[in-house]
Each structure stands twice: as C-alpha cells, then as structure tokens.
C-alpha cells in the first residue's frame, strides 16, 4: 500500500516534469523563430534607410565630379553627410 502511493506519486512527478520540459522546448523553438523575424522586420529597414540617406550626398558629389571635373569641389559650397561646408578659393 505504501509503496504503491510512492510509485504513483513518482510517476505523476515524472510525467509532470516531462510535460514541462517538452513545453519549454516548444516555447524556445518558437521564440527562436520569432526573434530573428521580428528583428529583420523592425531594425533592418531602419539601417537600410540610414545607409541610403548617407549614400545620396556621396552620389550627388560623384555625379557633380563626373559632369564638371574633380576640382569643382574646392570652391563654392559642397554638401557632405548632411553638413554644408564652405570652402574659400585659394
């Protein structure tokens, strides 16, 4: 009688611990799929937009150099990284 109760409680404890371990594995697997996906949909577009905004002034400067020659940036106004830099003719 005593051994039967111990066996049944040990079995219930084992079943419960097995169930908890399986659920933790399922949860961790799901969270490992959700976390990178949410990162890619929220953070990466902001990074791409920042890179694009930094690239536009450089492309405009390169375009100006191709059209007018490489020495045109030494006089007048030149926009670089969102700042207006003023150069004096020397």
PDB file of N, CA and C in Angstrom:
ATOM      1  N   UNK A   1       0.818  -1.178   0.000  1.00  0.00           N
ATOM      2  CA  UNK A   1       0.000   0.000   0.000  1.00  0.00           C
ATOM      3  C   UNK A   1       0.879   1.265   0.000  1.00  0.00           C
ATOM      4  N   UNK A   2       1.845   1.324   0.894  1.00  0.00           N
ATOM      5  CA  UNK A   2       2.733   2.475   0.985  1.00  0.00           C
ATOM      6  C   UNK A   2       3.571   2.607  -0.284  1.00  0.00           C
ATOM      7  N   UNK A   3       4.114   1.504  -0.776  1.00  0.00           N
ATOM      8  CA  UNK A   3       4.940   1.535  -1.976  1.00  0.00           C
ATOM      9  C   UNK A   3       4.123   1.933  -3.202  1.00  0.00           C
ATOM     10  N   UNK A   4       2.874   1.543  -3.232  1.00  0.00           N
ATOM     11  CA  UNK A   4       2.013   1.901  -4.359  1.00  0.00           C
ATOM     12  C   UNK A   4       1.797   3.419  -4.421  1.00  0.00           C
ATOM     13  N   UNK A   5       1.585   4.052  -3.288  1.00  0.00           N
ATOM     14  CA  UNK A   5       1.417   5.509  -3.263  1.00  0.00           C
ATOM     15  C   UNK A   5       2.701   6.219  -3.687  1.00  0.00           C
ATOM     16  N   UNK A   6       3.828   5.725  -3.239  1.00  0.00           N
ATOM     17  CA  UNK A   6       5.113   6.334  -3.605  1.00  0.00           C
ATOM     18  C   UNK A   6       5.334   6.185  -5.105  1.00  0.00           C
ATOM     19  N   UNK A   7       5.029   4.996  -5.632  1.00  0.00           N
ATOM     20  CA  UNK A   7       5.188   4.774  -7.067  1.00  0.00           C
ATOM     21  C   UNK A   7       4.263   5.682  -7.884  1.00  0.00           C
ATOM     22  N   UNK A   8       3.043   5.818  -7.469  1.00  0.00           N
ATOM     23  CA  UNK A   8       2.099   6.636  -8.234  1.00  0.00           C
ATOM     24  C   UNK A   8       2.492   8.116  -8.168  1.00  0.00           C
ATOM     25  N   UNK A   9       2.936   8.589  -7.035  1.00  0.00           N
ATOM     26  CA  UNK A   9       3.359   9.998  -6.938  1.00  0.00           C
ATOM     27  C   UNK A   9       4.652  10.239  -7.718  1.00  0.00           C
ATOM     28  N   UNK A  10       5.536   9.258  -7.706  1.00  0.00           N
ATOM     29  CA  UNK A  10       6.764   9.386  -8.500  1.00  0.00           C
ATOM     30  C   UNK A  10       6.420   9.420  -9.993  1.00  0.00           C
ATOM     31  N   UNK A  11       5.463   8.613 -10.387  1.00  0.00           N
ATOM     32  CA  UNK A  11       5.028   8.593 -11.789  1.00  0.00           C
ATOM     33  C   UNK A  11       4.392   9.936 -12.178  1.00  0.00           C
ATOM     34  N   UNK A  12       3.545  10.480 -11.330  1.00  0.00           N
ATOM     35  CA  UNK A  12       2.914  11.773 -11.603  1.00  0.00           C
ATOM     36  C   UNK A  12       3.979  12.870 -11.680  1.00  0.00           C
ATOM     37  N   UNK A  13       4.935  12.830 -10.779  1.00  0.00           N
ATOM     38  CA  UNK A  13       6.009  13.820 -10.779  1.00  0.00           C
ATOM     39  C   UNK A  13       6.837  13.717 -12.060  1.00  0.00           C
ATOM     40  N   UNK A  14       7.149  12.499 -12.471  1.00  0.00           N
ATOM     41  CA  UNK A  14       7.909  12.277 -13.697  1.00  0.00           C
ATOM     42  C   UNK A  14       7.125  12.766 -14.914  1.00  0.00           C
ATOM     43  N   UNK A  15       5.834  12.433 -14.990  1.00  0.00           N
ATOM     44  CA  UNK A  15       5.010  12.864 -16.121  1.00  0.00           C
ATOM     45  C   UNK A  15       4.921  14.386 -16.192  1.00  0.00           C
ATOM     46  N   UNK A  16       4.764  15.014 -15.034  1.00  0.00           N
ATOM     47  CA  UNK A  16       4.681  16.467 -14.998  1.00  0.00           C
ATOM     48  C   UNK A  16       5.997  17.108 -15.432  1.00  0.00           C
ATOM     49  N   UNK A  17       7.112  16.576 -14.947  1.00  0.00           N
ATOM     50  CA  UNK A  17       8.404  17.150 -15.327  1.00  0.00           C
ATOM     51  C   UNK A  17       8.679  16.931 -16.815  1.00  0.00           C
ATOM     52  N   UNK A  18       8.265  15.799 -17.354  1.00  0.00           N
ATOM     53  CA  UNK A  18       8.431  15.541 -18.785  1.00  0.00           C
ATOM     54  C   UNK A  18       7.572  16.514 -19.596  1.00  0.00           C
ATOM     55  N   UNK A  19       6.351  16.743 -19.161  1.00  0.00           N
ATOM     56  CA  UNK A  19       5.462  17.677 -19.841  1.00  0.00           C
ATOM     57  C   UNK A  19       6.040  19.096 -19.829  1.00  0.00           C
ATOM     58  N   UNK A  20       6.557  19.523 -18.700  1.00  0.00           N
ATOM     59  CA  UNK A  20       7.143  20.866 -18.585  1.00  0.00           C
ATOM     60  C   UNK A  20       8.364  20.992 -19.498  1.00  0.00           C
ATOM     61  N   UNK A  21       9.204  19.963 -19.540  1.00  0.00           N
ATOM     62  CA  UNK A  21      10.390  20.009 -20.402  1.00  0.00           C
ATOM     63  C   UNK A  21       9.989  20.081 -21.875  1.00  0.00           C
ATOM     64  N   UNK A  22       8.978  19.323 -22.275  1.00  0.00           N
ATOM     65  CA  UNK A  22       8.524  19.371 -23.664  1.00  0.00           C
ATOM     66  C   UNK A  22       7.950  20.741 -24.018  1.00  0.00           C
ATOM     67  N   UNK A  23       7.173  21.310 -23.118  1.00  0.00           N
ATOM     68  CA  UNK A  23       6.601  22.626 -23.379  1.00  0.00           C
ATOM     69  C   UNK A  23       7.677  23.706 -23.440  1.00  0.00           C
ATOM     70  N   UNK A  24       8.692  23.584 -22.611  1.00  0.00           N
ATOM     71  CA  UNK A  24       9.795  24.553 -22.661  1.00  0.00           C
ATOM     72  C   UNK A  24      10.543  24.447 -23.983  1.00  0.00           C
ATOM     73  N   UNK A  25      10.725  23.232 -24.482  1.00  0.00           N
ATOM     74  CA  UNK A  25      11.381  23.060 -25.777  1.00  0.00           C
ATOM     75  C   UNK A  25      10.546  23.665 -26.896  1.00  0.00           C
ATOM     76  N   UNK A  26       9.247  23.442 -26.869  1.00  0.00           N
ATOM     77  CA  UNK A  26       8.370  24.023 -27.888  1.00  0.00           C
ATOM     78  C   UNK A  26       8.406  25.550 -27.834  1.00  0.00           C
ATOM     79  N   UNK A  27       8.353  26.090 -26.638  1.00  0.00           N
ATOM     80  CA  UNK A  27       8.378  27.548 -26.485  1.00  0.00           C
ATOM     81  C   UNK A  27       9.702  28.130 -26.983  1.00  0.00           C
ATOM     82  N   UNK A  28      10.823  27.503 -26.617  1.00  0.00           N
ATOM     83  CA  UNK A  28      12.118  28.039 -27.037  1.00  0.00           C
ATOM     84  C   UNK A  28      12.285  27.937 -28.546  1.00  0.00           C
ATOM     85  N   UNK A  29      11.783  26.881 -29.150  1.00  0.00           N
ATOM     86  CA  UNK A  29      11.865  26.740 -30.592  1.00  0.00           C
ATOM     87  C   UNK A  29      11.044  27.838 -31.286  1.00  0.00           C
ATOM     88  N   UNK A  30       9.859  28.088 -30.774  1.00  0.00           N
ATOM     89  CA  UNK A  30       9.018  29.135 -31.359  1.00  0.00           C
ATOM     90  C   UNK A  30       9.643  30.510 -31.167  1.00  0.00           C
ATOM     91  N   UNK A  31      10.204  30.767 -30.001  1.00  0.00           N
ATOM     92  CA  UNK A  31      10.809  32.075 -29.759  1.00  0.00           C
ATOM     93  C   UNK A  31      12.066  32.265 -30.605  1.00  0.00           C
ATOM     94  N   UNK A  32      12.788  31.188 -30.885  1.00  0.00           N
ATOM     95  CA  UNK A  32      13.964  31.309 -31.740  1.00  0.00           C
ATOM     96  C   UNK A  32      13.576  31.587 -33.188  1.00  0.00           C
ATOM     97  N   UNK A  33      12.373  31.238 -33.578  1.00  0.00           N
ATOM     98  CA  UNK A  33      11.909  31.585 -34.917  1.00  0.00           C
ATOM     99  C   UNK A  33      11.355  32.996 -34.955  1.00  0.00           C
ATOM    100  N   UNK A  34      10.720  33.435 -33.896  1.00  0.00           N
ATOM    101  CA  UNK A  34      10.073  34.746 -33.880  1.00  0.00           C
ATOM    102  C   UNK A  34      11.084  35.867 -33.708  1.00  0.00           C
ATOM    103  N   UNK A  35      12.083  35.668 -32.880  1.00  0.00           N
ATOM    104  CA  UNK A  35      13.035  36.737 -32.568  1.00  0.00           C
ATOM    105  C   UNK A  35      13.793  37.253 -33.794  1.00  0.00           C
ATOM    106  N   UNK A  36      14.423  36.391 -34.609  1.00  0.00           N
ATOM    107  CA  UNK A  36      15.117  36.926 -35.797  1.00  0.00           C
ATOM    108  C   UNK A  36      14.162  37.565 -36.797  1.00  0.00           C
ATOM    109  N   UNK A  37      12.964  37.017 -36.910  1.00  0.00           N
ATOM    110  CA  UNK A  37      11.991  37.581 -37.846  1.00  0.00           C
ATOM    111  C   UNK A  37      11.578  38.988 -37.417  1.00  0.00           C
ATOM    112  N   UNK A  38      11.309  39.169 -36.139  1.00  0.00           N
ATOM    113  CA  UNK A  38      10.926  40.500 -35.673  1.00  0.00           C
ATOM    114  C   UNK A  38      12.102  41.470 -35.785  1.00  0.00           C
ATOM    115  N   UNK A  39      13.316  40.990 -35.579  1.00  0.00           N
ATOM    116  CA  UNK A  39      14.494  41.854 -35.755  1.00  0.00           C
ATOM    117  C   UNK A  39      14.600  42.311 -37.200  1.00  0.00           C
ATOM    118  N   UNK A  40      14.420  41.365 -38.134  1.00  0.00           N
ATOM    119  CA  UNK A  40      14.561  41.724 -39.540  1.00  0.00           C
ATOM    120  C   UNK A  40      13.474  42.677 -40.007  1.00  0.00           C
ATOM    121  N   UNK A  41      12.284  42.561 -39.461  1.00  0.00           N
ATOM    122  CA  UNK A  41      11.210  43.440 -39.909  1.00  0.00           C
ATOM    123  C   UNK A  41      11.223  44.800 -39.228  1.00  0.00           C
ATOM    124  N   UNK A  42      11.921  44.936 -38.098  1.00  0.00           N
ATOM    125  CA  UNK A  42      11.903  46.223 -37.405  1.00  0.00           C
ATOM    126  C   UNK A  42      13.222  46.981 -37.507  1.00  0.00           C
ATOM    127  N   UNK A  43      14.349  46.315 -37.372  1.00  0.00           N
ATOM    128  CA  UNK A  43      15.634  47.015 -37.288  1.00  0.00           C
ATOM    129  C   UNK A  43      16.305  47.165 -38.651  1.00  0.00           C
ATOM    130  N   UNK A  44      16.273  46.141 -39.476  1.00  0.00           N
ATOM    131  CA  UNK A  44      16.985  46.212 -40.744  1.00  0.00           C
ATOM    132  C   UNK A  44      16.477  47.306 -41.682  1.00  0.00           C
ATOM    133  N   UNK A  45      15.171  47.523 -41.826  1.00  0.00           N
ATOM    134  CA  UNK A  45      14.757  48.627 -42.700  1.00  0.00           C
ATOM    135  C   UNK A  45      15.271  49.990 -42.238  1.00  0.00           C
ATOM    136  N   UNK A  46      15.339  50.207 -40.955  1.00  0.00           N
ATOM    137  CA  UNK A  46      15.882  51.474 -40.450  1.00  0.00           C
ATOM    138  C   UNK A  46      17.361  51.596 -40.809  1.00  0.00           C
ATOM    139  N   UNK A  47      18.088  50.506 -40.721  1.00  0.00           N
ATOM    140  CA  UNK A  47      19.508  50.525 -41.109  1.00  0.00           C
ATOM    141  C   UNK A  47      19.693  50.787 -42.586  1.00  0.00           C
ATOM    142  N   UNK A  48      18.853  50.171 -43.415  1.00  0.00           N
ATOM    143  CA  UNK A  48      18.934  50.405 -44.859  1.00  0.00           C
ATOM    144  C   UNK A  48      18.595  51.853 -45.199  1.00  0.00           C
ATOM    145  N   UNK A  49      17.609  52.412 -44.528  1.00  0.00           N
ATOM    146  CA  UNK A  49      17.210  53.797 -44.786  1.00  0.00           C
ATOM    147  C   UNK A  49      18.334  54.758 -44.382  1.00  0.00           C
ATOM    148  N   UNK A  50      18.976  54.501 -43.267  1.00  0.00           N
ATOM    149  CA  UNK A  50      20.105  55.337 -42.840  1.00  0.00           C
ATOM    150  C   UNK A  50      21.238  55.273 -43.850  1.00  0.00           C
ATOM    151  N   UNK A  51      21.529  54.070 -44.330  1.00  0.00           N
ATOM    152  CA  UNK A  51      22.590  53.905 -45.325  1.00  0.00           C
ATOM    153  C   UNK A  51      22.241  54.648 -46.623  1.00  0.00           C
ATOM    154  N   UNK A  52      20.980  54.576 -47.011  1.00  0.00           N
ATOM    155  CA  UNK A  52      20.555  55.268 -48.232  1.00  0.00           C
ATOM    156  C   UNK A  52      20.698  56.779 -48.070  1.00  0.00           C
ATOM    157  N   UNK A  53      20.307  57.294 -46.895  1.00  0.00           N
ATOM    158  CA  UNK A  53      20.423  58.733 -46.666  1.00  0.00           C
ATOM    159  C   UNK A  53      21.873  59.197 -46.632  1.00  0.00           C
ATOM    160  N   UNK A  54      22.758  58.350 -46.170  1.00  0.00           N
ATOM    161  CA  UNK A  54      24.183  58.706 -46.156  1.00  0.00           C
ATOM    162  C   UNK A  54      24.796  58.587 -47.547  1.00  0.00           C
ATOM    163  N   UNK A  55      24.216  57.732 -48.387  1.00  0.00           N
ATOM    164  CA  UNK A  55      24.777  57.488 -49.710  1.00  0.00           C
ATOM    165  C   UNK A  55      24.386  58.575 -50.716  1.00  0.00           C
ATOM    166  N   UNK A  56      23.218  59.198 -50.548  1.00  0.00           N
ATOM    167  CA  UNK A  56      22.742  60.176 -51.523  1.00  0.00           C
ATOM    168  C   UNK A  56      23.696  61.365 -51.713  1.00  0.00           C
ATOM    169  N   UNK A  57      24.173  62.011 -50.636  1.00  0.00           N
ATOM    170  CA  UNK A  57      25.114  63.133 -50.870  1.00  0.00           C
ATOM    171  C   UNK A  57      26.402  62.685 -51.559  1.00  0.00           C
ATOM    172  N   UNK A  58      26.879  61.496 -51.228  1.00  0.00           N
ATOM    173  CA  UNK A  58      28.089  60.999 -51.889  1.00  0.00           C
ATOM    174  C   UNK A  58      27.845  60.772 -53.378  1.00  0.00           C
ATOM    175  N   UNK A  59      26.675  60.228 -53.717  1.00  0.00           N
ATOM    176  CA  UNK A  59      26.368  60.000 -55.126  1.00  0.00           C
ATOM    177  C   UNK A  59      26.214  61.316 -55.870  1.00  0.00           C
ATOM    178  N   UNK A  60      25.608  62.330 -55.238  1.00  0.00           N
ATOM    179  CA  UNK A  60      25.475  63.635 -55.876  1.00  0.00           C
ATOM    180  C   UNK A  60      26.841  64.270 -56.108  1.00  0.00           C
ATOM    181  N   UNK A  61      27.729  64.111 -55.134  1.00  0.00           N
ATOM    182  CA  UNK A  61      29.080  64.651 -55.279  1.00  0.00           C
ATOM    183  C   UNK A  61      29.824  63.940 -56.405  1.00  0.00           C
ATOM    184  N   UNK A  62      29.701  62.623 -56.473  1.00  0.00           N
ATOM    185  CA  UNK A  62      30.347  61.879 -57.556  1.00  0.00           C
ATOM    186  C   UNK A  62      29.776  62.289 -58.907  1.00  0.00           C
ATOM    187  N   UNK A  63      28.474  62.473 -58.958  1.00  0.00           N
ATOM    188  CA  UNK A  63      27.838  62.893 -60.203  1.00  0.00           C
ATOM    189  C   UNK A  63      28.347  64.272 -60.626  1.00  0.00           C
ATOM    190  N   UNK A  64      28.455  65.183 -59.676  1.00  0.00           N
ATOM    191  CA  UNK A  64      28.974  66.522 -59.964  1.00  0.00           C
ATOM    192  C   UNK A  64      30.422  66.443 -60.453  1.00  0.00           C
ATOM    193  N   UNK A  65      31.214  65.562 -59.840  1.00  0.00           N
ATOM    194  CA  UNK A  65      32.614  65.406 -60.272  1.00  0.00           C
ATOM    195  C   UNK A  65      32.688  64.849 -61.687  1.00  0.00           C
ATOM    196  N   UNK A  66      31.800  63.937 -62.020  1.00  0.00           N
ATOM    197  CA  UNK A  66      31.806  63.387 -63.376  1.00  0.00           C
ATOM    198  C   UNK A  66      31.410  64.441 -64.401  1.00  0.00           C
ATOM    199  N   UNK A  67      30.450  65.280 -64.062  1.00  0.00           N
ATOM    200  CA  UNK A  67      29.994  66.285 -65.018  1.00  0.00           C
ATOM    201  C   UNK A  67      30.953  67.457 -65.143  1.00  0.00           C
ATOM    202  N   UNK A  68      31.449  67.953 -64.009  1.00  0.00           N
ATOM    203  CA  UNK A  68      32.206  69.201 -64.017  1.00  0.00           C
ATOM    204  C   UNK A  68      33.704  69.034 -63.798  1.00  0.00           C
ATOM    205  N   UNK A  69      34.147  67.864 -63.450  1.00  0.00           N
ATOM    206  CA  UNK A  69      35.563  67.650 -63.212  1.00  0.00           C
ATOM    207  C   UNK A  69      35.856  67.517 -61.729  1.00  0.00           C
ATOM    208  N   UNK A  70      36.993  66.958 -61.380  1.00  0.00           N
ATOM    209  CA  UNK A  70      37.299  66.685 -59.976  1.00  0.00           C
ATOM    210  C   UNK A  70      37.627  67.909 -59.141  1.00  0.00           C
ATOM    211  N   UNK A  71      37.990  69.041 -59.741  1.00  0.00           N
ATOM    212  CA  UNK A  71      38.395  70.220 -58.967  1.00  0.00           C
ATOM    213  C   UNK A  71      37.232  71.126 -58.614  1.00  0.00           C
ATOM    214  N   UNK A  72      36.000  70.776 -58.949  1.00  0.00           N
ATOM    215  CA  UNK A  72      34.865  71.655 -58.670  1.00  0.00           C
ATOM    216  C   UNK A  72      34.501  71.676 -57.195  1.00  0.00           C
ATOM    217  N   UNK A  73      34.892  70.692 -56.427  1.00  0.00           N
ATOM    218  CA  UNK A  73      34.559  70.656 -55.009  1.00  0.00           C
ATOM    219  C   UNK A  73      35.421  71.574 -54.165  1.00  0.00           C
ATOM    220  N   UNK A  74      36.475  72.164 -54.740  1.00  0.00           N
ATOM    221  CA  UNK A  74      37.371  73.009 -53.968  1.00  0.00           C
ATOM    222  C   UNK A  74      36.848  74.422 -53.783  1.00  0.00           C
ATOM    223  N   UNK A  75      35.919  74.851 -54.620  1.00  0.00           N
ATOM    224  CA  UNK A  75      35.382  76.202 -54.467  1.00  0.00           C
ATOM    225  C   UNK A  75      33.865  76.130 -54.368  1.00  0.00           C
ATOM    226  N   UNK A  76      33.282  77.074 -53.671  1.00  0.00           N
ATOM    227  CA  UNK A  76      31.836  77.108 -53.535  1.00  0.00           C
ATOM    228  C   UNK A  76      31.375  76.240 -52.389  1.00  0.00           C
ATOM    229  N   UNK A  77      30.114  75.871 -52.442  1.00  0.00           N
ATOM    230  CA  UNK A  77      29.534  75.066 -51.368  1.00  0.00           C
ATOM    231  C   UNK A  77      29.566  73.595 -51.769  1.00  0.00           C
ATOM    232  N   UNK A  78      29.817  72.762 -50.787  1.00  0.00           N
ATOM    233  CA  UNK A  78      29.833  71.326 -51.032  1.00  0.00           C
ATOM    234  C   UNK A  78      29.078  70.657 -49.891  1.00  0.00           C
ATOM    235  N   UNK A  79      28.155  69.818 -50.229  1.00  0.00           N
ATOM    236  CA  UNK A  79      27.360  69.140 -49.197  1.00  0.00           C
ATOM    237  C   UNK A  79      27.950  67.749 -48.974  1.00  0.00           C
ATOM    238  N   UNK A  80      28.246  67.463 -47.724  1.00  0.00           N
ATOM    239  CA  UNK A  80      28.808  66.154 -47.390  1.00  0.00           C
ATOM    240  C   UNK A  80      28.223  65.724 -46.056  1.00  0.00           C
ATOM    241  N   UNK A  81      27.593  64.557 -46.029  1.00  0.00           N
ATOM    242  CA  UNK A  81      26.993  63.967 -44.832  1.00  0.00           C
ATOM    243  C   UNK A  81      25.983  64.895 -44.162  1.00  0.00           C
ATOM    244  N   UNK A  82      25.237  65.616 -44.964  1.00  0.00           N
ATOM    245  CA  UNK A  82      24.197  66.464 -44.404  1.00  0.00           C
ATOM    246  C   UNK A  82      24.688  67.800 -43.893  1.00  0.00           C
ATOM    247  N   UNK A  83      25.973  68.092 -43.952  1.00  0.00           N
ATOM    248  CA  UNK A  83      26.519  69.361 -43.468  1.00  0.00           C
ATOM    249  C   UNK A  83      26.976  70.192 -44.659  1.00  0.00           C
ATOM    250  N   UNK A  84      26.728  71.468 -44.605  1.00  0.00           N
ATOM    251  CA  UNK A  84      27.215  72.349 -45.656  1.00  0.00           C
ATOM    252  C   UNK A  84      28.585  72.877 -45.239  1.00  0.00           C
ATOM    253  N   UNK A  85      29.558  72.563 -46.052  1.00  0.00           N
ATOM    254  CA  UNK A  85      30.922  73.030 -45.780  1.00  0.00           C
ATOM    255  C   UNK A  85      31.270  74.140 -46.767  1.00  0.00           C
ATOM    256  N   UNK A  86      31.833  75.198 -46.285  1.00  0.00           N
ATOM    257  CA  UNK A  86      32.161  76.346 -47.122  1.00  0.00           C
ATOM    258  C   UNK A  86      33.680  76.374 -47.330  1.00  0.00           C
ATOM    259  N   UNK A  87      34.066  76.355 -48.600  1.00  0.00           N
ATOM    260  CA  UNK A  87      35.477  76.410 -48.928  1.00  0.00           C
ATOM    261  C   UNK A  87      35.782  77.738 -49.616  1.00  0.00           C
ATOM    262  N   UNK A  88      36.861  78.337 -49.244  1.00  0.00           N
ATOM    263  CA  UNK A  88      37.291  79.580 -49.863  1.00  0.00           C
ATOM    264  C   UNK A  88      38.239  79.263 -51.002  1.00  0.00           C
ATOM    265  N   UNK A  89      38.157  80.057 -52.052  1.00  0.00           N
ATOM    266  CA  UNK A  89      39.090  79.858 -53.156  1.00  0.00           C
ATOM    267  C   UNK A  89      40.485  80.236 -52.695  1.00  0.00           C
ATOM    268  N   UNK A  90      41.429  79.401 -53.061  1.00  0.00           N
ATOM    269  CA  UNK A  90      42.788  79.731 -52.668  1.00  0.00           C
ATOM    270  C   UNK A  90      43.611  80.187 -53.839  1.00  0.00           C
TER     271      UNK A  90
END
